Amino acid sequence: MRKGGPTADAYAKRLQAQGITGISHYCAGLNFMNRAKFASRDKTEKRFNLQSAIGEFGYVLGHSAPNATGLPTIRAQKDLAETMLKPR
């Protein structure tokens, strides 16, 4: 069983069944996004968290089956991180 208990394990298996590879990278990307949104204390920390999220999501997008069901959601998360990274 993975960290997070049976619910997390069931979610991981469902993503794998959809053709998603690198589920731990997807979860790490989500964690970095949340840190960027809610816990970053300054611009440098926020930039680091967003760049890390982009890299984690990029790993999943690059290693998953091209027709995997969940890819549009992961692409949207990556796009959001890229948009948040752009200076205003």
Protein backbone atom coordinates (compact mmCIF):
# COMPACT_ATOMS: atom_id res chain seq x y z
CA MET A 1 0.00 0.00 0.00
CA ARG A 2 1.24 3.48 -0.83
CA LYS A 3 1.45 6.43 1.48
CA GLY A 4 -2.07 7.80 1.71
CA GLY A 5 -3.85 4.52 2.32
CA PRO A 6 -6.25 2.48 0.24
CA THR A 7 -7.95 5.48 -1.33
CA ALA A 8 -4.68 6.82 -2.74
CA ASP A 9 -3.74 3.34 -3.93
CA ALA A 10 -7.09 2.92 -5.73
CA TYR A 11 -6.66 6.35 -7.38
CA ALA A 12 -3.16 5.43 -8.57
CA LYS A 13 -4.41 2.16 -10.04
CA ARG A 14 -7.22 3.99 -11.85
CA LEU A 15 -4.76 6.43 -13.41
CA GLN A 16 -2.47 3.60 -14.47
CA ALA A 17 -5.41 1.83 -16.09
CA GLN A 18 -6.06 5.02 -18.11
CA GLY A 19 -2.50 4.91 -19.49
CA ILE A 20 -0.97 7.49 -17.16
CA THR A 21 2.69 6.83 -16.33
CA GLY A 22 4.53 8.49 -13.45
CA ILE A 23 1.69 8.98 -11.02
CA SER A 24 4.09 10.01 -8.27
CA HIS A 25 5.26 12.85 -10.55
CA TYR A 26 1.67 13.98 -11.06
CA CYS A 27 1.10 14.04 -7.30
CA ALA A 28 4.37 15.92 -6.77
CA GLY A 29 3.27 18.45 -9.39
CA LEU A 30 0.01 19.00 -7.55
CA ASN A 31 1.91 19.50 -4.30
CA PHE A 32 4.18 22.08 -5.93
CA MET A 33 1.13 23.87 -7.36
CA ASN A 34 -0.48 24.04 -3.92
CA ARG A 35 2.73 25.36 -2.41
CA ALA A 36 2.94 28.02 -5.11
CA LYS A 37 -0.68 29.06 -4.55
CA PHE A 38 -0.89 28.92 -0.78
CA ALA A 39 2.48 28.59 0.96
CA SER A 40 5.09 30.53 -1.02
CA ARG A 41 6.51 33.35 1.06
CA ASP A 42 8.14 35.30 -1.76
CA LYS A 43 8.49 35.45 -5.55
CA THR A 44 11.61 33.27 -5.60
CA GLU A 45 9.92 30.46 -3.69
CA LYS A 46 6.78 30.75 -5.81
CA ARG A 47 8.86 30.60 -9.02
CA PHE A 48 10.70 27.51 -7.77
CA ASN A 49 7.42 25.77 -6.94
CA LEU A 50 5.85 26.61 -10.30
CA GLN A 51 8.92 25.52 -12.27
CA SER A 52 9.01 22.29 -10.28
CA ALA A 53 5.31 21.68 -10.98
CA ILE A 54 5.87 22.26 -14.70
CA GLY A 55 8.69 19.73 -14.70
CA GLU A 56 6.68 17.11 -12.83
CA PHE A 57 3.65 17.50 -15.10
CA GLY A 58 5.95 17.47 -18.12
CA TYR A 59 7.37 14.12 -17.04
CA VAL A 60 3.92 12.57 -16.94
CA LEU A 61 2.93 14.08 -20.27
CA GLY A 62 6.13 12.85 -21.87
CA HIS A 63 5.96 9.29 -20.55
CA SER A 64 2.25 8.46 -20.68
CA ALA A 65 0.38 6.87 -23.54
CA PRO A 66 -0.59 9.60 -26.04
CA ASN A 67 -4.25 8.59 -25.81
CA ALA A 68 -4.38 8.35 -22.00
CA THR A 69 -7.72 9.53 -20.66
CA GLY A 70 -6.40 11.91 -17.98
CA LEU A 71 -3.86 13.80 -20.09
CA PRO A 72 -6.07 16.85 -20.76
CA THR A 73 -6.35 17.45 -17.00
CA ILE A 74 -2.59 17.17 -16.54
CA ARG A 75 -1.98 19.44 -19.54
CA ALA A 76 -4.37 21.99 -18.03
CA GLN A 77 -2.45 21.92 -14.73
CA LYS A 78 0.84 22.45 -16.59
CA ASP A 79 -0.68 25.31 -18.60
CA LEU A 80 -1.94 26.93 -15.39
CA ALA A 81 1.51 26.70 -13.80
CA GLU A 82 3.06 28.25 -16.92
CA THR A 83 0.50 31.08 -16.88
CA MET A 84 1.12 31.74 -13.19
CA LEU A 85 4.88 31.86 -13.88
CA LYS A 86 4.59 34.64 -16.47
CA PRO A 87 5.29 38.12 -15.13
CA ARG A 88 2.34 40.45 -15.00
